[in-house]
Amino acid sequence: MLDRKFKGITASQRKLPDFLVIGGKRCGTTTLFEFLRQHPMIAEPVIDHMGFFDDNYSIGINYYKSFFPIKNEENSKKLDYDVTTSYLTSPFVAERVAKEMPNVKIIVLLRNPTSRAWSDYNASQKKDASEKKFQSYIDNELEELKKNNFDDKVIKNAYDMSEPFSNLIKKGLYAVYLKKWLKLFPRENFLFIFTESFSKDENKVFKQIFNFLGLKNFEIQKLQRMSKGNYEKLNPKIQNKLDSFFEPYNDDLFKLINQKYDW
């Protein structure tokens, strides 16, 4: 309690993070959160999913700064970071980050959106998960997307991502959100990583991350992917249906970031 009071009192003298990991959800961000701290020039993070720019922004920027170190020569040698998976898809966040941290570096993990949706559903539903329920949720969401121009809603920040089972598909429409982020920040501020390539060679991806952050390479020790959860493979019919829906959005994404993956 005393420590939090002291940090609150000294908040105005504290740093903001040097880089963000903004998502996506169920794309491997927890692995990054856990292992980036091993690098000697990256500071120990306070908590995973801080959620300041979506859930707590009204409290004020000094509240956010209270979680980071005081500005001094010693602390400036290390990079601080915030991993919050909802930042990518939440309304208003891109604009708020641009206002408070216009030079921040941003890491984005991107997973096959069909796999992401099925993983997200299973993680949220846990013991009561079933393909029948999942099918019902995605059918309802697909019908909703037919009736509404979701791209326009994102531009206007006129949408809500708080309900987990009515946004399984929307969270995978990466290009829709990234168009806004890329208008607010220069392309060189971003590093895009495909989750599937991370799974194949974690150390290669960490080398890429450290280079992006301007750090010397460092070999991560005892590297082990965080638990993905145990669940059945998705029914091929449902998978094909979602793959077909996501295909044009994926094509938009690949053009937007000038990177491609075989989803």
C-alpha atoms as a PDB file:
ATOM      1  CA  MET A   1       0.000   0.000   0.000  1.00  0.00           C
ATOM      2  CA  LEU A   2       2.784   2.436   0.954  1.00  0.00           C
ATOM      3  CA  ASP A   3       4.682   1.534  -2.210  1.00  0.00           C
ATOM      4  CA  ARG A   4       1.656   2.336  -4.408  1.00  0.00           C
ATOM      5  CA  LYS A   5       1.138   5.646  -2.575  1.00  0.00           C
ATOM      6  CA  PHE A   6       4.777   6.602  -3.122  1.00  0.00           C
ATOM      7  CA  LYS A   7       4.552   5.700  -6.808  1.00  0.00           C
ATOM      8  CA  GLY A   8       1.402   7.766  -7.135  1.00  0.00           C
ATOM      9  CA  ILE A   9       2.993  10.788  -5.496  1.00  0.00           C
ATOM     10  CA  THR A  10       6.058  10.547  -7.767  1.00  0.00           C
ATOM     11  CA  ALA A  11       4.122   9.652 -10.935  1.00  0.00           C
ATOM     12  CA  SER A  12       4.893  12.884 -12.768  1.00  0.00           C
ATOM     13  CA  GLN A  13       8.610  12.087 -12.444  1.00  0.00           C
ATOM     14  CA  ARG A  14       8.245   8.622 -13.953  1.00  0.00           C
ATOM     15  CA  LYS A  15       8.826   7.146 -17.403  1.00  0.00           C
ATOM     16  CA  LEU A  16       6.312   5.987 -19.944  1.00  0.00           C
ATOM     17  CA  PRO A  17       6.975   2.612 -21.608  1.00  0.00           C
ATOM     18  CA  ASP A  18       9.403   2.439 -24.524  1.00  0.00           C
ATOM     19  CA  PHE A  19       7.359  -0.162 -26.392  1.00  0.00           C
ATOM     20  CA  LEU A  20       3.943  -1.790 -26.399  1.00  0.00           C
ATOM     21  CA  VAL A  21       2.738  -5.251 -27.346  1.00  0.00           C
ATOM     22  CA  ILE A  22      -0.832  -4.481 -28.402  1.00  0.00           C
ATOM     23  CA  GLY A  23      -2.150  -7.935 -29.308  1.00  0.00           C
ATOM     24  CA  GLY A  24      -3.770  -9.817 -30.673  1.00  0.00           C
ATOM     25  CA  LYS A  25      -5.500 -11.873 -28.055  1.00  0.00           C
ATOM     26  CA  ARG A  26      -4.607 -15.619 -28.095  1.00  0.00           C
ATOM     27  CA  CYS A  27      -1.685 -14.879 -30.406  1.00  0.00           C
ATOM     28  CA  GLY A  28       1.275 -15.629 -28.113  1.00  0.00           C
ATOM     29  CA  THR A  29       1.566 -12.351 -26.226  1.00  0.00           C
ATOM     30  CA  THR A  30       1.864 -14.069 -22.831  1.00  0.00           C
ATOM     31  CA  THR A  31       5.014 -15.813 -24.029  1.00  0.00           C
ATOM     32  CA  LEU A  32       6.482 -12.425 -24.946  1.00  0.00           C
ATOM     33  CA  PHE A  33       5.480 -10.933 -21.605  1.00  0.00           C
ATOM     34  CA  GLU A  34       7.150 -13.758 -19.689  1.00  0.00           C
ATOM     35  CA  PHE A  35      10.419 -13.971 -21.609  1.00  0.00           C
ATOM     36  CA  LEU A  36      11.283 -10.466 -22.840  1.00  0.00           C
ATOM     37  CA  ARG A  37      12.275  -9.552 -19.281  1.00  0.00           C
ATOM     38  CA  GLN A  38      15.226 -11.955 -19.476  1.00  0.00           C
ATOM     39  CA  HIS A  39      17.096  -9.483 -21.674  1.00  0.00           C
ATOM     40  CA  PRO A  40      19.459  -7.500 -19.403  1.00  0.00           C
ATOM     41  CA  MET A  41      18.412  -4.213 -21.052  1.00  0.00           C
ATOM     42  CA  ILE A  42      14.658  -4.760 -20.617  1.00  0.00           C
ATOM     43  CA  ALA A  43      13.124  -3.869 -17.254  1.00  0.00           C
ATOM     44  CA  GLU A  44      10.941  -6.217 -15.239  1.00  0.00           C
ATOM     45  CA  PRO A  45       7.295  -5.440 -16.105  1.00  0.00           C
ATOM     46  CA  VAL A  46       4.782  -4.854 -13.334  1.00  0.00           C
ATOM     47  CA  ILE A  47       1.722  -6.730 -14.599  1.00  0.00           C
ATOM     48  CA  ASP A  48       0.467  -8.410 -17.746  1.00  0.00           C
ATOM     49  CA  HIS A  49      -2.500  -6.776 -19.491  1.00  0.00           C
ATOM     50  CA  MET A  50      -2.251  -3.403 -17.786  1.00  0.00           C
ATOM     51  CA  GLY A  51      -5.210  -2.148 -19.823  1.00  0.00           C
ATOM     52  CA  PHE A  52      -4.658   1.538 -19.162  1.00  0.00           C
ATOM     53  CA  PHE A  53      -5.552   2.975 -22.574  1.00  0.00           C
ATOM     54  CA  ASP A  54      -8.906   1.200 -22.750  1.00  0.00           C
ATOM     55  CA  ASP A  55     -10.110   0.501 -19.201  1.00  0.00           C
ATOM     56  CA  ASN A  56      -8.408   3.174 -17.066  1.00  0.00           C
ATOM     57  CA  TYR A  57      -7.576   6.113 -19.318  1.00  0.00           C
ATOM     58  CA  SER A  58     -10.068   8.373 -17.535  1.00  0.00           C
ATOM     59  CA  ILE A  59      -7.951   8.145 -14.356  1.00  0.00           C
ATOM     60  CA  GLY A  60      -5.188  10.106 -16.073  1.00  0.00           C
ATOM     61  CA  ILE A  61      -1.710   9.526 -17.488  1.00  0.00           C
ATOM     62  CA  ASN A  62      -0.008   9.904 -14.097  1.00  0.00           C
ATOM     63  CA  TYR A  63      -1.822   6.778 -12.907  1.00  0.00           C
ATOM     64  CA  TYR A  64      -0.226   4.875 -15.811  1.00  0.00           C
ATOM     65  CA  LYS A  65       3.205   6.394 -15.165  1.00  0.00           C
ATOM     66  CA  SER A  66       2.998   5.303 -11.526  1.00  0.00           C
ATOM     67  CA  PHE A  67       3.619   1.712 -12.701  1.00  0.00           C
ATOM     68  CA  PHE A  68       6.953   2.606 -14.315  1.00  0.00           C
ATOM     69  CA  PRO A  69      10.364   3.667 -12.942  1.00  0.00           C
ATOM     70  CA  ILE A  70      11.418   7.200 -12.018  1.00  0.00           C
ATOM     71  CA  LYS A  71      13.274   9.003 -14.821  1.00  0.00           C
ATOM     72  CA  ASN A  72      16.997   8.941 -14.096  1.00  0.00           C
ATOM     73  CA  GLU A  73      20.203   7.938 -15.827  1.00  0.00           C
ATOM     74  CA  GLU A  74      20.153   4.388 -14.470  1.00  0.00           C
ATOM     75  CA  ASN A  75      16.513   3.640 -15.341  1.00  0.00           C
ATOM     76  CA  SER A  76      16.844   5.189 -18.801  1.00  0.00           C
ATOM     77  CA  LYS A  77      19.329   2.456 -19.725  1.00  0.00           C
ATOM     78  CA  LYS A  78      16.586  -0.186 -19.691  1.00  0.00           C
ATOM     79  CA  LEU A  79      13.454  -0.421 -21.822  1.00  0.00           C
ATOM     80  CA  ASP A  80      10.040  -0.637 -20.172  1.00  0.00           C
ATOM     81  CA  TYR A  81       7.003  -2.212 -21.790  1.00  0.00           C
ATOM     82  CA  ASP A  82       3.286  -2.849 -21.540  1.00  0.00           C
ATOM     83  CA  VAL A  83       1.646  -5.996 -22.948  1.00  0.00           C
ATOM     84  CA  THR A  84      -2.119  -5.504 -23.312  1.00  0.00           C
ATOM     85  CA  THR A  85      -3.828  -7.650 -25.925  1.00  0.00           C
ATOM     86  CA  SER A  86      -7.011  -5.563 -26.073  1.00  0.00           C
ATOM     87  CA  TYR A  87      -5.197  -2.424 -27.287  1.00  0.00           C
ATOM     88  CA  LEU A  88      -5.216  -3.570 -30.925  1.00  0.00           C
ATOM     89  CA  THR A  89      -8.980  -3.922 -31.182  1.00  0.00           C
ATOM     90  CA  SER A  90     -10.419  -1.568 -28.538  1.00  0.00           C
ATOM     91  CA  PRO A  91     -12.037   1.740 -29.572  1.00  0.00           C
ATOM     92  CA  PHE A  92     -10.165   5.010 -28.897  1.00  0.00           C
ATOM     93  CA  VAL A  93      -6.918   3.288 -27.891  1.00  0.00           C
ATOM     94  CA  ALA A  94      -4.882   4.098 -31.026  1.00  0.00           C
ATOM     95  CA  GLU A  95      -5.700   7.803 -30.714  1.00  0.00           C
ATOM     96  CA  ARG A  96      -4.935   7.852 -26.989  1.00  0.00           C
ATOM     97  CA  VAL A  97      -1.578   6.137 -27.422  1.00  0.00           C
ATOM     98  CA  ALA A  98      -0.665   8.546 -30.256  1.00  0.00           C
ATOM     99  CA  LYS A  99      -1.496  11.508 -28.019  1.00  0.00           C
ATOM    100  CA  GLU A 100       0.518  10.317 -25.012  1.00  0.00           C
ATOM    101  CA  MET A 101       3.369   8.396 -26.695  1.00  0.00           C
ATOM    102  CA  PRO A 102       3.761   9.486 -30.337  1.00  0.00           C
ATOM    103  CA  ASN A 103       7.195   7.856 -30.672  1.00  0.00           C
ATOM    104  CA  VAL A 104       6.474   4.540 -28.957  1.00  0.00           C
ATOM    105  CA  LYS A 105       7.467   1.301 -30.696  1.00  0.00           C
ATOM    106  CA  ILE A 106       4.678  -1.219 -31.228  1.00  0.00           C
ATOM    107  CA  ILE A 107       4.845  -5.012 -31.546  1.00  0.00           C
ATOM    108  CA  VAL A 108       1.836  -6.852 -32.992  1.00  0.00           C
ATOM    109  CA  LEU A 109       1.416 -10.634 -32.992  1.00  0.00           C
ATOM    110  CA  LEU A 110      -0.968 -11.956 -35.652  1.00  0.00           C
ATOM    111  CA  ARG A 111      -2.393 -15.480 -35.763  1.00  0.00           C
ATOM    112  CA  ASN A 112      -4.556 -17.229 -38.324  1.00  0.00           C
ATOM    113  CA  PRO A 113      -7.894 -15.591 -37.391  1.00  0.00           C
ATOM    114  CA  THR A 114      -9.849 -18.853 -37.614  1.00  0.00           C
ATOM    115  CA  SER A 115      -7.448 -20.548 -35.176  1.00  0.00           C
ATOM    116  CA  ARG A 116      -7.489 -17.434 -33.014  1.00  0.00           C
ATOM    117  CA  ALA A 117     -11.303 -17.425 -32.783  1.00  0.00           C
ATOM    118  CA  TRP A 118     -11.489 -21.127 -31.862  1.00  0.00           C
ATOM    119  CA  SER A 119      -8.729 -20.722 -29.255  1.00  0.00           C
ATOM    120  CA  ASP A 120     -10.373 -17.617 -27.794  1.00  0.00           C
ATOM    121  CA  TYR A 121     -13.730 -19.375 -27.556  1.00  0.00           C
ATOM    122  CA  ASN A 122     -12.233 -22.389 -25.764  1.00  0.00           C
ATOM    123  CA  ALA A 123     -10.224 -20.228 -23.361  1.00  0.00           C
ATOM    124  CA  SER A 124     -13.345 -18.207 -22.470  1.00  0.00           C
ATOM    125  CA  GLN A 125     -15.845 -21.080 -22.325  1.00  0.00           C
ATOM    126  CA  LYS A 126     -13.486 -23.614 -20.739  1.00  0.00           C
ATOM    127  CA  LYS A 127     -15.363 -26.737 -19.531  1.00  0.00           C
ATOM    128  CA  ASP A 128     -18.625 -25.945 -21.317  1.00  0.00           C
ATOM    129  CA  ALA A 129     -17.093 -25.467 -24.770  1.00  0.00           C
ATOM    130  CA  SER A 130     -18.753 -27.215 -27.690  1.00  0.00           C
ATOM    131  CA  GLU A 131     -18.642 -26.905 -31.472  1.00  0.00           C
ATOM    132  CA  LYS A 132     -22.408 -26.448 -31.520  1.00  0.00           C
ATOM    133  CA  LYS A 133     -22.200 -23.356 -29.286  1.00  0.00           C
ATOM    134  CA  PHE A 134     -19.236 -22.015 -31.232  1.00  0.00           C
ATOM    135  CA  GLN A 135     -21.139 -22.483 -34.507  1.00  0.00           C
ATOM    136  CA  SER A 136     -24.097 -20.597 -33.057  1.00  0.00           C
ATOM    137  CA  TYR A 137     -21.905 -17.686 -31.910  1.00  0.00           C
ATOM    138  CA  ILE A 138     -20.119 -17.303 -35.230  1.00  0.00           C
ATOM    139  CA  ASP A 139     -23.344 -17.607 -37.253  1.00  0.00           C
ATOM    140  CA  ASN A 140     -24.863 -14.784 -35.207  1.00  0.00           C
ATOM    141  CA  GLU A 141     -21.743 -12.678 -35.624  1.00  0.00           C
ATOM    142  CA  LEU A 142     -21.540 -13.285 -39.367  1.00  0.00           C
ATOM    143  CA  GLU A 143     -25.177 -12.235 -39.697  1.00  0.00           C
ATOM    144  CA  GLU A 144     -24.462  -9.079 -37.697  1.00  0.00           C
ATOM    145  CA  LEU A 145     -21.464  -8.241 -39.904  1.00  0.00           C
ATOM    146  CA  LYS A 146     -23.633  -8.599 -43.030  1.00  0.00           C
ATOM    147  CA  LYS A 147     -26.058  -5.988 -41.702  1.00  0.00           C
ATOM    148  CA  ASN A 148     -23.500  -3.435 -40.496  1.00  0.00           C
ATOM    149  CA  ASN A 149     -20.465  -1.713 -41.960  1.00  0.00           C
ATOM    150  CA  PHE A 150     -17.985  -2.690 -39.259  1.00  0.00           C
ATOM    151  CA  ASP A 151     -15.100  -0.845 -40.949  1.00  0.00           C
ATOM    152  CA  ASP A 152     -17.052   2.392 -40.604  1.00  0.00           C
ATOM    153  CA  LYS A 153     -17.837   1.657 -36.945  1.00  0.00           C
ATOM    154  CA  VAL A 154     -14.118   1.208 -36.226  1.00  0.00           C
ATOM    155  CA  ILE A 155     -13.256   4.506 -37.932  1.00  0.00           C
ATOM    156  CA  LYS A 156     -15.867   6.255 -35.763  1.00  0.00           C
ATOM    157  CA  ASN A 157     -14.985   4.298 -32.582  1.00  0.00           C
ATOM    158  CA  ALA A 158     -18.663   3.323 -32.501  1.00  0.00           C
ATOM    159  CA  TYR A 159     -18.337  -0.313 -31.461  1.00  0.00           C
ATOM    160  CA  ASP A 160     -18.008  -2.436 -28.320  1.00  0.00           C
ATOM    161  CA  MET A 161     -15.594  -5.350 -27.864  1.00  0.00           C
ATOM    162  CA  SER A 162     -16.392  -6.185 -24.240  1.00  0.00           C
ATOM    163  CA  GLU A 163     -18.700  -9.176 -24.857  1.00  0.00           C
ATOM    164  CA  PRO A 164     -16.420 -12.184 -25.541  1.00  0.00           C
ATOM    165  CA  PHE A 165     -18.758 -14.422 -27.525  1.00  0.00           C
ATOM    166  CA  SER A 166     -20.123 -11.801 -29.939  1.00  0.00           C
ATOM    167  CA  ASN A 167     -16.669 -10.638 -31.059  1.00  0.00           C
ATOM    168  CA  LEU A 168     -14.814 -13.864 -31.846  1.00  0.00           C
ATOM    169  CA  ILE A 169     -14.672 -13.004 -35.549  1.00  0.00           C
ATOM    170  CA  LYS A 170     -14.252  -9.239 -35.212  1.00  0.00           C
ATOM    171  CA  LYS A 171     -11.082  -9.641 -33.160  1.00  0.00           C
ATOM    172  CA  GLY A 172      -9.507 -11.346 -36.181  1.00  0.00           C
ATOM    173  CA  LEU A 173     -10.248  -8.527 -38.645  1.00  0.00           C
ATOM    174  CA  TYR A 174      -6.714  -7.231 -38.066  1.00  0.00           C
ATOM    175  CA  ALA A 175      -6.490  -4.953 -41.108  1.00  0.00           C
ATOM    176  CA  VAL A 176      -9.593  -2.999 -40.054  1.00  0.00           C
ATOM    177  CA  TYR A 177      -7.895  -1.888 -36.817  1.00  0.00           C
ATOM    178  CA  LEU A 178      -4.372  -1.574 -38.166  1.00  0.00           C
ATOM    179  CA  LYS A 179      -5.432   0.931 -40.836  1.00  0.00           C
ATOM    180  CA  LYS A 180      -6.132   3.353 -37.997  1.00  0.00           C
ATOM    181  CA  TRP A 181      -2.891   2.565 -36.134  1.00  0.00           C
ATOM    182  CA  LEU A 182      -0.835   3.001 -39.316  1.00  0.00           C
ATOM    183  CA  LYS A 183      -2.378   6.406 -39.974  1.00  0.00           C
ATOM    184  CA  LEU A 184      -1.305   7.577 -36.527  1.00  0.00           C
ATOM    185  CA  PHE A 185       2.209   6.075 -36.363  1.00  0.00           C
ATOM    186  CA  PRO A 186       4.946   5.654 -38.988  1.00  0.00           C
ATOM    187  CA  ARG A 187       5.418   2.132 -40.381  1.00  0.00           C
ATOM    188  CA  GLU A 188       8.929   1.906 -38.915  1.00  0.00           C
ATOM    189  CA  ASN A 189       7.426   2.054 -35.413  1.00  0.00           C
ATOM    190  CA  PHE A 190       5.814  -1.361 -35.950  1.00  0.00           C
ATOM    191  CA  LEU A 191       7.045  -4.921 -35.830  1.00  0.00           C
ATOM    192  CA  PHE A 192       4.528  -7.487 -37.091  1.00  0.00           C
ATOM    193  CA  ILE A 193       5.077 -11.113 -36.103  1.00  0.00           C
ATOM    194  CA  PHE A 194       3.043 -14.089 -37.266  1.00  0.00           C
ATOM    195  CA  THR A 195       2.322 -16.397 -34.341  1.00  0.00           C
ATOM    196  CA  GLU A 196       2.917 -19.454 -36.502  1.00  0.00           C
ATOM    197  CA  SER A 197       6.498 -18.361 -37.285  1.00  0.00           C
ATOM    198  CA  PHE A 198       7.025 -17.688 -33.583  1.00  0.00           C
ATOM    199  CA  SER A 199       5.988 -21.284 -32.857  1.00  0.00           C
ATOM    200  CA  LYS A 200       8.484 -22.613 -35.382  1.00  0.00           C
ATOM    201  CA  ASP A 201      11.569 -20.740 -34.162  1.00  0.00           C
ATOM    202  CA  GLU A 202      11.182 -18.623 -31.030  1.00  0.00           C
ATOM    203  CA  ASN A 203      14.841 -17.608 -30.789  1.00  0.00           C
ATOM    204  CA  LYS A 204      14.817 -16.316 -34.363  1.00  0.00           C
ATOM    205  CA  VAL A 205      11.784 -14.167 -33.533  1.00  0.00           C
ATOM    206  CA  PHE A 206      13.336 -12.873 -30.305  1.00  0.00           C
ATOM    207  CA  LYS A 207      16.421 -11.873 -32.306  1.00  0.00           C
ATOM    208  CA  GLN A 208      14.102  -9.959 -34.647  1.00  0.00           C
ATOM    209  CA  ILE A 209      12.418  -8.254 -31.679  1.00  0.00           C
ATOM    210  CA  PHE A 210      15.699  -7.227 -30.035  1.00  0.00           C
ATOM    211  CA  ASN A 211      16.962  -5.826 -33.330  1.00  0.00           C
ATOM    212  CA  PHE A 212      13.718  -3.837 -33.740  1.00  0.00           C
ATOM    213  CA  LEU A 213      14.175  -2.428 -30.217  1.00  0.00           C
ATOM    214  CA  GLY A 214      17.787  -1.472 -30.892  1.00  0.00           C
ATOM    215  CA  LEU A 215      19.175  -4.044 -28.458  1.00  0.00           C
ATOM    216  CA  LYS A 216      21.977  -6.566 -28.750  1.00  0.00           C
ATOM    217  CA  ASN A 217      20.815 -10.119 -29.315  1.00  0.00           C
ATOM    218  CA  PHE A 218      20.313 -12.231 -26.211  1.00  0.00           C
ATOM    219  CA  GLU A 219      19.515 -15.941 -26.060  1.00  0.00           C
ATOM    220  CA  ILE A 220      16.394 -16.573 -24.032  1.00  0.00           C
ATOM    221  CA  GLN A 221      16.888 -19.355 -21.480  1.00  0.00           C
ATOM    222  CA  LYS A 222      14.470 -22.187 -20.699  1.00  0.00           C
ATOM    223  CA  LEU A 223      12.227 -20.992 -23.477  1.00  0.00           C
ATOM    224  CA  GLN A 224       8.859 -22.697 -23.291  1.00  0.00           C
ATOM    225  CA  ARG A 225       5.635 -21.554 -24.875  1.00  0.00           C
ATOM    226  CA  MET A 226       2.905 -20.638 -22.431  1.00  0.00           C
ATOM    227  CA  SER A 227       0.011 -23.092 -22.239  1.00  0.00           C
ATOM    228  CA  LYS A 228      -2.331 -22.912 -25.217  1.00  0.00           C
ATOM    229  CA  GLY A 229      -4.998 -24.987 -23.465  1.00  0.00           C
ATOM    230  CA  ASN A 230      -6.214 -28.409 -24.470  1.00  0.00           C
ATOM    231  CA  TYR A 231      -9.166 -28.544 -26.829  1.00  0.00           C
ATOM    232  CA  GLU A 232     -10.373 -30.488 -29.844  1.00  0.00           C
ATOM    233  CA  LYS A 233      -9.441 -29.515 -33.387  1.00  0.00           C
ATOM    234  CA  LEU A 234     -12.074 -27.436 -35.109  1.00  0.00           C
ATOM    235  CA  ASN A 235     -14.514 -29.218 -37.401  1.00  0.00           C
ATOM    236  CA  PRO A 236     -13.201 -28.836 -41.007  1.00  0.00           C
ATOM    237  CA  LYS A 237     -16.580 -27.548 -42.260  1.00  0.00           C
ATOM    238  CA  ILE A 238     -16.615 -24.730 -39.710  1.00  0.00           C
ATOM    239  CA  GLN A 239     -12.944 -24.039 -40.357  1.00  0.00           C
ATOM    240  CA  ASN A 240     -13.470 -23.752 -44.111  1.00  0.00           C
ATOM    241  CA  LYS A 241     -16.445 -21.464 -43.585  1.00  0.00           C
ATOM    242  CA  LEU A 242     -14.385 -19.101 -41.424  1.00  0.00           C
ATOM    243  CA  ASP A 243     -11.314 -19.336 -43.660  1.00  0.00           C
ATOM    244  CA  SER A 244     -13.443 -18.255 -46.628  1.00  0.00           C
ATOM    245  CA  PHE A 245     -14.891 -15.343 -44.693  1.00  0.00           C
ATOM    246  CA  PHE A 246     -11.476 -14.152 -43.480  1.00  0.00           C
ATOM    247  CA  GLU A 247      -9.686 -14.531 -46.833  1.00  0.00           C
ATOM    248  CA  PRO A 248     -10.319 -10.989 -48.201  1.00  0.00           C
ATOM    249  CA  TYR A 249      -9.511  -9.469 -44.793  1.00  0.00           C
ATOM    250  CA  ASN A 250      -6.273 -11.442 -44.670  1.00  0.00           C
ATOM    251  CA  ASP A 251      -5.371 -10.254 -48.166  1.00  0.00           C
ATOM    252  CA  ASP A 252      -5.968  -6.656 -47.013  1.00  0.00           C
ATOM    253  CA  LEU A 253      -3.724  -7.279 -44.023  1.00  0.00           C
ATOM    254  CA  PHE A 254      -0.857  -8.696 -46.084  1.00  0.00           C
ATOM    255  CA  LYS A 255      -0.959  -5.708 -48.437  1.00  0.00           C
ATOM    256  CA  LEU A 256      -1.211  -3.257 -45.551  1.00  0.00           C
ATOM    257  CA  ILE A 257       1.842  -4.529 -43.658  1.00  0.00           C
ATOM    258  CA  ASN A 258       3.734  -5.759 -46.733  1.00  0.00           C
ATOM    259  CA  GLN A 259       4.149  -9.224 -45.197  1.00  0.00           C
ATOM    260  CA  LYS A 260       2.421 -12.470 -46.047  1.00  0.00           C
ATOM    261  CA  TYR A 261       1.777 -15.760 -44.303  1.00  0.00           C
ATOM    262  CA  ASP A 262       0.143 -18.924 -45.588  1.00  0.00           C
ATOM    263  CA  TRP A 263      -3.091 -18.933 -43.610  1.00  0.00           C
END
